């Protein structure tokens, strides 16, 4: 599986993918869209790739399914406002939280962030304790909101 962590400004994910017992393959599990929104997926790689393609294309129509036969995936979208959208096989919902994590090492990552770790550090800690999380980590940072314009001064 994987570990993806959000610390309120940075989305981090390991890059390991496991197929047929081979665990040295790498994929990008998190992406950024032109409007600054971030997204990531954990679980079945092809289902997650379809979710990320849908996100990058502007989320047209119905979201692709996150389950197929015995396989599932989960997704997360971080809006430029910082709002978290959590996508699973049942649908999606919005959440406001200082930290969020998903994937096989989610509990480890969430605990690490609660103790003060950044999202990147949290994924690295999860990689030490969760055999399904790789040690190569990538990060994307949410761009800061535009500065307010002072009018009439």
N, C-alpha and C. Protein backbone atom coordinates (compact mmCIF):
# COMPACT_ATOMS: atom_id res chain seq x y z
N UNK A 1 0.85 -1.17 0.00
CA UNK A 1 0.00 0.00 0.00
C UNK A 1 0.89 1.23 0.00
N UNK A 2 0.77 2.10 0.95
CA UNK A 2 1.53 3.35 0.96
C UNK A 2 1.23 4.13 2.23
N UNK A 3 1.89 5.24 2.38
CA UNK A 3 1.52 6.21 3.41
C UNK A 3 1.55 7.59 2.78
N UNK A 4 0.45 8.31 2.95
CA UNK A 4 0.32 9.70 2.52
C UNK A 4 -0.02 10.51 3.76
N UNK A 5 0.66 11.64 3.95
CA UNK A 5 0.43 12.48 5.13
C UNK A 5 0.27 13.94 4.73
N UNK A 6 -0.62 14.63 5.42
CA UNK A 6 -0.90 16.06 5.21
C UNK A 6 -0.73 16.75 6.55
N UNK A 7 0.13 17.77 6.61
CA UNK A 7 0.38 18.47 7.87
C UNK A 7 -0.18 19.88 7.92
N UNK A 8 -1.06 20.20 6.98
CA UNK A 8 -1.66 21.54 6.94
C UNK A 8 -1.03 22.44 5.90
N UNK A 9 0.15 22.06 5.40
CA UNK A 9 0.77 22.82 4.31
C UNK A 9 1.47 21.93 3.29
N UNK A 10 1.89 20.74 3.70
CA UNK A 10 2.62 19.85 2.80
C UNK A 10 1.96 18.48 2.74
N UNK A 11 1.85 17.96 1.52
CA UNK A 11 1.36 16.60 1.29
C UNK A 11 2.59 15.76 0.95
N UNK A 12 2.78 14.67 1.64
CA UNK A 12 3.95 13.80 1.44
C UNK A 12 3.48 12.37 1.21
N UNK A 13 4.24 11.64 0.39
CA UNK A 13 3.91 10.25 0.11
C UNK A 13 5.18 9.47 -0.20
N UNK A 14 5.16 8.20 0.15
CA UNK A 14 6.25 7.33 -0.31
C UNK A 14 6.00 7.00 -1.77
N UNK A 15 6.97 6.42 -2.45
CA UNK A 15 6.85 6.12 -3.88
C UNK A 15 6.82 4.64 -4.18
N UNK A 16 6.87 3.76 -3.17
CA UNK A 16 6.92 2.32 -3.40
C UNK A 16 5.59 1.80 -3.94
N UNK A 17 5.71 0.88 -4.89
CA UNK A 17 4.55 0.14 -5.38
C UNK A 17 4.95 -1.32 -5.36
N UNK A 18 4.01 -2.16 -4.99
CA UNK A 18 4.26 -3.59 -4.90
C UNK A 18 3.40 -4.29 -5.95
N UNK A 19 4.05 -4.97 -6.88
CA UNK A 19 3.30 -5.77 -7.84
C UNK A 19 3.99 -7.11 -8.00
N UNK A 20 3.26 -8.15 -7.75
CA UNK A 20 3.80 -9.50 -7.88
C UNK A 20 4.95 -9.79 -6.95
N UNK A 21 4.98 -9.14 -5.78
CA UNK A 21 6.05 -9.35 -4.82
C UNK A 21 7.26 -8.47 -5.04
N UNK A 22 7.30 -7.74 -6.15
CA UNK A 22 8.41 -6.82 -6.43
C UNK A 22 8.10 -5.49 -5.77
N UNK A 23 9.01 -5.00 -4.92
CA UNK A 23 8.72 -3.77 -4.19
C UNK A 23 9.67 -2.63 -4.52
N UNK A 24 10.50 -2.78 -5.56
CA UNK A 24 11.42 -1.70 -5.87
C UNK A 24 10.94 -0.81 -7.01
N UNK A 25 9.72 -1.02 -7.49
CA UNK A 25 9.13 -0.14 -8.50
C UNK A 25 8.67 1.14 -7.82
N UNK A 26 8.67 2.25 -8.57
CA UNK A 26 8.30 3.55 -8.01
C UNK A 26 7.20 4.19 -8.86
N UNK A 27 6.28 4.88 -8.20
CA UNK A 27 5.26 5.68 -8.87
C UNK A 27 5.09 6.98 -8.11
N UNK A 28 4.46 7.96 -8.77
CA UNK A 28 4.11 9.21 -8.11
C UNK A 28 2.69 9.05 -7.56
N UNK A 29 2.55 9.16 -6.26
CA UNK A 29 1.25 8.95 -5.61
C UNK A 29 0.55 10.26 -5.30
N UNK A 30 1.26 11.38 -5.44
CA UNK A 30 0.65 12.69 -5.20
C UNK A 30 0.89 13.58 -6.41
N UNK A 31 -0.07 14.47 -6.69
CA UNK A 31 -0.01 15.35 -7.85
C UNK A 31 -0.54 16.74 -7.48
N UNK A 32 -0.12 17.73 -8.29
CA UNK A 32 -0.62 19.10 -8.13
C UNK A 32 -1.26 19.54 -9.44
N UNK A 33 -2.42 20.19 -9.29
CA UNK A 33 -3.13 20.74 -10.45
C UNK A 33 -2.74 22.21 -10.62
N UNK A 34 -2.98 22.78 -11.80
CA UNK A 34 -2.60 24.16 -12.08
C UNK A 34 -3.20 25.15 -11.10
N UNK A 35 -4.38 24.88 -10.55
CA UNK A 35 -5.00 25.81 -9.60
C UNK A 35 -4.40 25.70 -8.20
N UNK A 36 -3.40 24.83 -8.02
CA UNK A 36 -2.73 24.67 -6.74
C UNK A 36 -3.25 23.53 -5.90
N UNK A 37 -4.42 22.98 -6.22
CA UNK A 37 -4.97 21.86 -5.45
C UNK A 37 -4.04 20.65 -5.55
N UNK A 38 -4.01 19.87 -4.48
CA UNK A 38 -3.17 18.68 -4.40
C UNK A 38 -4.06 17.44 -4.28
N UNK A 39 -3.58 16.30 -4.73
CA UNK A 39 -4.32 15.06 -4.56
C UNK A 39 -3.34 13.90 -4.45
N UNK A 40 -3.82 12.83 -3.82
CA UNK A 40 -3.01 11.63 -3.70
C UNK A 40 -3.90 10.42 -3.58
N UNK A 41 -3.30 9.25 -3.79
CA UNK A 41 -4.07 8.02 -3.67
C UNK A 41 -3.21 6.92 -3.06
N UNK A 42 -3.88 6.04 -2.34
CA UNK A 42 -3.25 4.88 -1.71
C UNK A 42 -4.09 3.66 -2.03
N UNK A 43 -3.46 2.51 -2.07
CA UNK A 43 -4.17 1.27 -2.37
C UNK A 43 -3.80 0.78 -3.75
N UNK A 44 -4.77 0.21 -4.45
CA UNK A 44 -4.51 -0.33 -5.78
C UNK A 44 -3.99 0.77 -6.70
N UNK A 45 -2.85 0.52 -7.32
CA UNK A 45 -2.17 1.54 -8.11
C UNK A 45 -2.96 1.99 -9.32
N UNK A 46 -3.58 1.08 -10.07
CA UNK A 46 -4.32 1.49 -11.27
C UNK A 46 -5.59 2.26 -10.91
N UNK A 47 -6.27 1.87 -9.85
CA UNK A 47 -7.44 2.62 -9.40
C UNK A 47 -7.03 4.02 -8.95
N UNK A 48 -5.91 4.10 -8.23
CA UNK A 48 -5.39 5.40 -7.78
C UNK A 48 -4.96 6.27 -8.95
N UNK A 49 -4.37 5.66 -9.98
CA UNK A 49 -3.96 6.42 -11.16
C UNK A 49 -5.17 7.01 -11.87
N UNK A 50 -6.26 6.26 -11.95
CA UNK A 50 -7.48 6.78 -12.57
C UNK A 50 -8.03 7.95 -11.75
N UNK A 51 -7.98 7.85 -10.43
CA UNK A 51 -8.43 8.94 -9.56
C UNK A 51 -7.59 10.20 -9.81
N UNK A 52 -6.27 10.04 -9.89
CA UNK A 52 -5.39 11.20 -10.11
C UNK A 52 -5.58 11.79 -11.50
N UNK A 53 -5.80 10.96 -12.53
CA UNK A 53 -6.07 11.48 -13.88
C UNK A 53 -7.36 12.29 -13.89
N UNK A 54 -8.39 11.79 -13.21
CA UNK A 54 -9.68 12.50 -13.11
C UNK A 54 -9.47 13.84 -12.42
N UNK A 55 -8.73 13.85 -11.33
CA UNK A 55 -8.43 15.09 -10.60
C UNK A 55 -7.68 16.08 -11.49
N UNK A 56 -6.60 15.62 -12.14
CA UNK A 56 -5.79 16.52 -12.97
C UNK A 56 -6.56 17.08 -14.16
N UNK A 57 -7.58 16.35 -14.64
CA UNK A 57 -8.37 16.82 -15.77
C UNK A 57 -9.50 17.76 -15.34
N UNK A 58 -9.54 18.12 -14.05
CA UNK A 58 -10.55 19.06 -13.56
C UNK A 58 -11.77 18.44 -12.94
N UNK A 59 -11.72 17.14 -12.67
CA UNK A 59 -12.81 16.40 -12.02
C UNK A 59 -14.10 16.41 -12.83
N UNK A 60 -14.02 16.08 -14.13
CA UNK A 60 -15.24 16.07 -14.94
C UNK A 60 -16.10 14.85 -14.65
N UNK A 61 -17.40 15.04 -14.67
CA UNK A 61 -18.32 13.91 -14.52
C UNK A 61 -18.15 13.16 -13.22
N UNK A 62 -18.55 11.90 -13.26
CA UNK A 62 -18.45 11.03 -12.09
C UNK A 62 -16.99 10.67 -11.79
N UNK A 63 -16.67 10.61 -10.52
CA UNK A 63 -15.34 10.15 -10.12
C UNK A 63 -15.18 8.69 -10.51
N UNK A 64 -14.01 8.28 -10.96
CA UNK A 64 -13.82 6.86 -11.29
C UNK A 64 -13.97 5.99 -10.03
N UNK A 65 -14.39 4.76 -10.20
CA UNK A 65 -14.57 3.89 -9.04
C UNK A 65 -13.25 3.64 -8.30
N UNK A 66 -13.35 3.49 -6.99
CA UNK A 66 -12.18 3.19 -6.16
C UNK A 66 -12.20 1.75 -5.68
N UNK A 67 -12.97 0.91 -6.34
CA UNK A 67 -12.94 -0.52 -6.03
C UNK A 67 -13.24 -1.31 -7.31
N UNK A 68 -12.66 -2.51 -7.35
CA UNK A 68 -12.86 -3.42 -8.48
C UNK A 68 -12.54 -4.82 -7.95
N UNK A 69 -13.50 -5.70 -8.01
CA UNK A 69 -13.33 -7.06 -7.50
C UNK A 69 -12.78 -7.03 -6.08
N UNK A 70 -11.58 -7.54 -5.85
CA UNK A 70 -11.00 -7.58 -4.50
C UNK A 70 -10.09 -6.38 -4.22
N UNK A 71 -10.00 -5.44 -5.14
CA UNK A 71 -9.05 -4.32 -5.02
C UNK A 71 -9.77 -3.03 -4.63
N UNK A 72 -9.10 -2.21 -3.81
CA UNK A 72 -9.65 -0.91 -3.44
C UNK A 72 -8.53 0.13 -3.43
N UNK A 73 -8.94 1.37 -3.46
CA UNK A 73 -8.03 2.50 -3.31
C UNK A 73 -8.76 3.59 -2.54
N UNK A 74 -8.01 4.52 -2.00
CA UNK A 74 -8.57 5.70 -1.34
C UNK A 74 -7.87 6.91 -1.92
N UNK A 75 -8.54 8.04 -1.91
CA UNK A 75 -7.94 9.25 -2.43
C UNK A 75 -8.17 10.42 -1.50
N UNK A 76 -7.34 11.42 -1.65
CA UNK A 76 -7.50 12.65 -0.89
C UNK A 76 -7.24 13.82 -1.83
N UNK A 77 -8.04 14.87 -1.69
CA UNK A 77 -7.83 16.11 -2.41
C UNK A 77 -7.67 17.21 -1.37
N UNK A 78 -6.64 18.01 -1.51
CA UNK A 78 -6.43 19.16 -0.65
C UNK A 78 -6.72 20.39 -1.50
N UNK A 79 -7.79 21.09 -1.18
CA UNK A 79 -8.18 22.28 -1.92
C UNK A 79 -7.24 23.43 -1.57
N UNK A 80 -7.09 24.44 -2.45
CA UNK A 80 -6.22 25.58 -2.14
C UNK A 80 -6.56 26.27 -0.82
N UNK A 81 -7.81 26.16 -0.38
CA UNK A 81 -8.22 26.73 0.91
C UNK A 81 -7.70 25.92 2.09
N UNK A 82 -7.19 24.72 1.83
CA UNK A 82 -6.76 23.81 2.90
C UNK A 82 -7.82 22.79 3.27
N UNK A 83 -9.02 22.91 2.71
CA UNK A 83 -10.08 21.94 2.98
C UNK A 83 -9.66 20.57 2.46
N UNK A 84 -9.93 19.54 3.22
CA UNK A 84 -9.56 18.17 2.88
C UNK A 84 -10.79 17.44 2.38
N UNK A 85 -10.69 16.82 1.20
CA UNK A 85 -11.75 15.96 0.68
C UNK A 85 -11.24 14.53 0.72
N UNK A 86 -11.94 13.67 1.42
CA UNK A 86 -11.54 12.28 1.57
C UNK A 86 -12.46 11.43 0.69
N UNK A 87 -11.85 10.65 -0.22
CA UNK A 87 -12.59 9.82 -1.17
C UNK A 87 -12.32 8.36 -0.86
N UNK A 88 -13.41 7.58 -0.75
CA UNK A 88 -13.27 6.14 -0.54
C UNK A 88 -14.30 5.40 -1.38
N UNK A 89 -14.41 4.11 -1.19
CA UNK A 89 -15.30 3.31 -2.03
C UNK A 89 -16.77 3.68 -1.85
N UNK A 90 -17.12 4.30 -0.73
CA UNK A 90 -18.52 4.65 -0.46
C UNK A 90 -18.89 6.03 -0.98
N UNK A 91 -17.93 6.87 -1.27
CA UNK A 91 -18.20 8.24 -1.71
C UNK A 91 -17.09 9.17 -1.25
N UNK A 92 -17.47 10.36 -0.80
CA UNK A 92 -16.47 11.31 -0.33
C UNK A 92 -17.10 12.24 0.70
N UNK A 93 -16.24 12.90 1.46
CA UNK A 93 -16.70 13.90 2.42
C UNK A 93 -15.59 14.90 2.66
N UNK A 94 -15.99 16.08 3.17
CA UNK A 94 -15.03 17.14 3.47
C UNK A 94 -14.70 17.10 4.95
N UNK A 95 -13.46 17.46 5.27
CA UNK A 95 -13.03 17.49 6.67
C UNK A 95 -12.12 18.69 6.89
N UNK A 96 -12.15 19.20 8.09
CA UNK A 96 -11.20 20.21 8.53
C UNK A 96 -10.41 19.57 9.65
N UNK A 97 -9.10 19.51 9.48
CA UNK A 97 -8.25 18.88 10.49
C UNK A 97 -6.83 19.42 10.33
N UNK A 98 -6.09 19.51 11.42
CA UNK A 98 -4.70 20.00 11.31
C UNK A 98 -3.78 19.00 10.62
N UNK A 99 -4.13 17.71 10.68
CA UNK A 99 -3.32 16.65 10.08
C UNK A 99 -4.27 15.60 9.50
N UNK A 100 -3.77 14.90 8.48
CA UNK A 100 -4.54 13.80 7.91
C UNK A 100 -3.55 12.81 7.32
N UNK A 101 -3.89 11.54 7.35
CA UNK A 101 -3.04 10.52 6.75
C UNK A 101 -3.91 9.38 6.23
N UNK A 102 -3.42 8.70 5.19
CA UNK A 102 -4.11 7.53 4.68
C UNK A 102 -3.09 6.52 4.21
N UNK A 103 -3.55 5.31 3.98
CA UNK A 103 -2.67 4.23 3.55
C UNK A 103 -2.32 3.31 4.71
N UNK A 104 -1.47 2.35 4.44
CA UNK A 104 -1.16 1.32 5.43
C UNK A 104 -0.43 1.85 6.66
N UNK A 105 0.29 2.96 6.53
CA UNK A 105 1.00 3.53 7.68
C UNK A 105 0.33 4.76 8.25
N UNK A 106 -0.97 4.91 8.01
CA UNK A 106 -1.66 6.13 8.40
C UNK A 106 -1.61 6.40 9.90
N UNK A 107 -1.78 5.38 10.71
CA UNK A 107 -1.79 5.60 12.16
C UNK A 107 -0.42 6.06 12.66
N UNK A 108 0.63 5.49 12.12
CA UNK A 108 1.99 5.88 12.50
C UNK A 108 2.22 7.33 12.09
N UNK A 109 1.88 7.67 10.85
CA UNK A 109 2.08 9.03 10.36
C UNK A 109 1.27 10.05 11.15
N UNK A 110 0.02 9.72 11.44
CA UNK A 110 -0.82 10.64 12.19
C UNK A 110 -0.26 10.87 13.60
N UNK A 111 0.19 9.81 14.24
CA UNK A 111 0.82 9.95 15.56
C UNK A 111 2.08 10.78 15.51
N UNK A 112 2.89 10.56 14.47
CA UNK A 112 4.13 11.34 14.32
C UNK A 112 3.83 12.82 14.16
N UNK A 113 2.83 13.15 13.35
CA UNK A 113 2.48 14.56 13.16
C UNK A 113 1.90 15.16 14.42
N UNK A 114 1.11 14.38 15.16
CA UNK A 114 0.57 14.87 16.43
C UNK A 114 1.69 15.18 17.43
N UNK A 115 2.82 14.49 17.27
CA UNK A 115 3.98 14.72 18.13
C UNK A 115 4.91 15.80 17.59
N UNK A 116 4.52 16.43 16.47
CA UNK A 116 5.30 17.55 15.95
C UNK A 116 6.06 17.31 14.67
N UNK A 117 5.99 16.12 14.09
CA UNK A 117 6.69 15.83 12.84
C UNK A 117 5.99 16.51 11.67
N UNK A 118 6.77 16.86 10.66
CA UNK A 118 6.20 17.34 9.40
C UNK A 118 5.61 16.15 8.65
N UNK A 119 4.86 16.43 7.59
CA UNK A 119 4.31 15.34 6.78
C UNK A 119 5.42 14.47 6.20
N UNK A 120 6.49 15.08 5.73
CA UNK A 120 7.60 14.31 5.18
C UNK A 120 8.24 13.43 6.25
N UNK A 121 8.48 14.00 7.43
CA UNK A 121 9.06 13.21 8.52
C UNK A 121 8.12 12.08 8.93
N UNK A 122 6.81 12.35 8.92
CA UNK A 122 5.83 11.34 9.31
C UNK A 122 5.86 10.15 8.36
N UNK A 123 5.99 10.40 7.05
CA UNK A 123 6.06 9.30 6.09
C UNK A 123 7.36 8.52 6.29
N UNK A 124 8.45 9.22 6.55
CA UNK A 124 9.73 8.54 6.79
C UNK A 124 9.66 7.66 8.04
N UNK A 125 8.98 8.15 9.08
CA UNK A 125 8.82 7.36 10.30
C UNK A 125 7.95 6.13 10.00
N UNK A 126 6.86 6.33 9.25
CA UNK A 126 6.00 5.20 8.88
C UNK A 126 6.79 4.16 8.09
N UNK A 127 7.70 4.61 7.22
CA UNK A 127 8.49 3.68 6.41
C UNK A 127 9.37 2.79 7.28
N UNK A 128 9.78 3.28 8.43
CA UNK A 128 10.62 2.48 9.34
C UNK A 128 9.81 1.37 10.02
N UNK A 129 8.50 1.60 10.17
CA UNK A 129 7.67 0.68 10.96
C UNK A 129 6.64 -0.09 10.15
N UNK A 130 6.33 0.37 8.95
CA UNK A 130 5.31 -0.27 8.10
C UNK A 130 5.99 -0.84 6.87
N UNK A 131 5.96 -2.15 6.72
CA UNK A 131 6.63 -2.81 5.61
C UNK A 131 6.05 -2.49 4.24
N UNK A 132 4.88 -1.87 4.18
CA UNK A 132 4.27 -1.52 2.90
C UNK A 132 4.54 -0.08 2.49
N UNK A 133 5.31 0.64 3.30
CA UNK A 133 5.65 2.03 2.99
C UNK A 133 7.13 2.09 2.62
N UNK A 134 7.42 2.68 1.46
CA UNK A 134 8.81 2.80 1.01
C UNK A 134 9.52 3.97 1.64
N UNK A 135 10.85 3.99 1.53
CA UNK A 135 11.61 5.05 2.18
C UNK A 135 11.93 6.23 1.26
N UNK A 136 11.58 6.15 -0.02
CA UNK A 136 11.73 7.32 -0.89
C UNK A 136 10.45 8.14 -0.78
N UNK A 137 10.58 9.42 -0.40
CA UNK A 137 9.42 10.27 -0.11
C UNK A 137 9.43 11.48 -1.03
N UNK A 138 8.26 11.81 -1.56
CA UNK A 138 8.10 13.04 -2.34
C UNK A 138 7.11 13.94 -1.63
N UNK A 139 7.24 15.26 -1.83
CA UNK A 139 6.37 16.22 -1.17
C UNK A 139 5.85 17.25 -2.17
N UNK A 140 4.68 17.77 -1.88
CA UNK A 140 4.10 18.91 -2.59
C UNK A 140 3.55 19.85 -1.53
N UNK A 141 3.83 21.13 -1.69
CA UNK A 141 3.37 22.11 -0.72
C UNK A 141 2.25 22.95 -1.32
N UNK A 142 1.22 23.16 -0.53
CA UNK A 142 0.11 24.00 -0.96
C UNK A 142 0.61 25.43 -1.08
N UNK A 143 0.36 26.09 -2.21
CA UNK A 143 0.83 27.47 -2.33
C UNK A 143 0.14 28.36 -1.31
N UNK A 144 0.83 29.38 -0.82
CA UNK A 144 0.19 30.29 0.14
C UNK A 144 -0.94 31.04 -0.53
N UNK A 145 -1.95 31.43 0.25
CA UNK A 145 -3.06 32.20 -0.35
C UNK A 145 -2.52 33.53 -0.85
N UNK A 146 -3.17 34.10 -1.89
CA UNK A 146 -2.69 35.39 -2.40
C UNK A 146 -2.78 36.46 -1.32
N UNK A 147 -1.83 37.38 -1.34
CA UNK A 147 -1.83 38.46 -0.36
C UNK A 147 -3.04 39.35 -0.58
N UNK A 148 -3.60 39.80 0.53
CA UNK A 148 -4.74 40.69 0.44
C UNK A 148 -4.28 42.05 -0.08
N UNK A 149 -5.08 42.63 -0.96
CA UNK A 149 -4.75 43.96 -1.47
C UNK A 149 -5.36 45.01 -0.59
N UNK A 150 -4.59 45.98 -0.23
CA UNK A 150 -5.10 47.11 0.54
C UNK A 150 -5.57 48.16 -0.44
N UNK A 151 -6.83 48.51 -0.33
CA UNK A 151 -7.43 49.45 -1.26
C UNK A 151 -7.65 50.78 -0.54
N UNK A 152 -7.29 51.85 -1.19
CA UNK A 152 -7.58 53.17 -0.64
C UNK A 152 -6.56 53.66 0.36
N UNK A 153 -5.41 53.03 0.47
CA UNK A 153 -4.39 53.53 1.40
C UNK A 153 -3.33 54.29 0.69
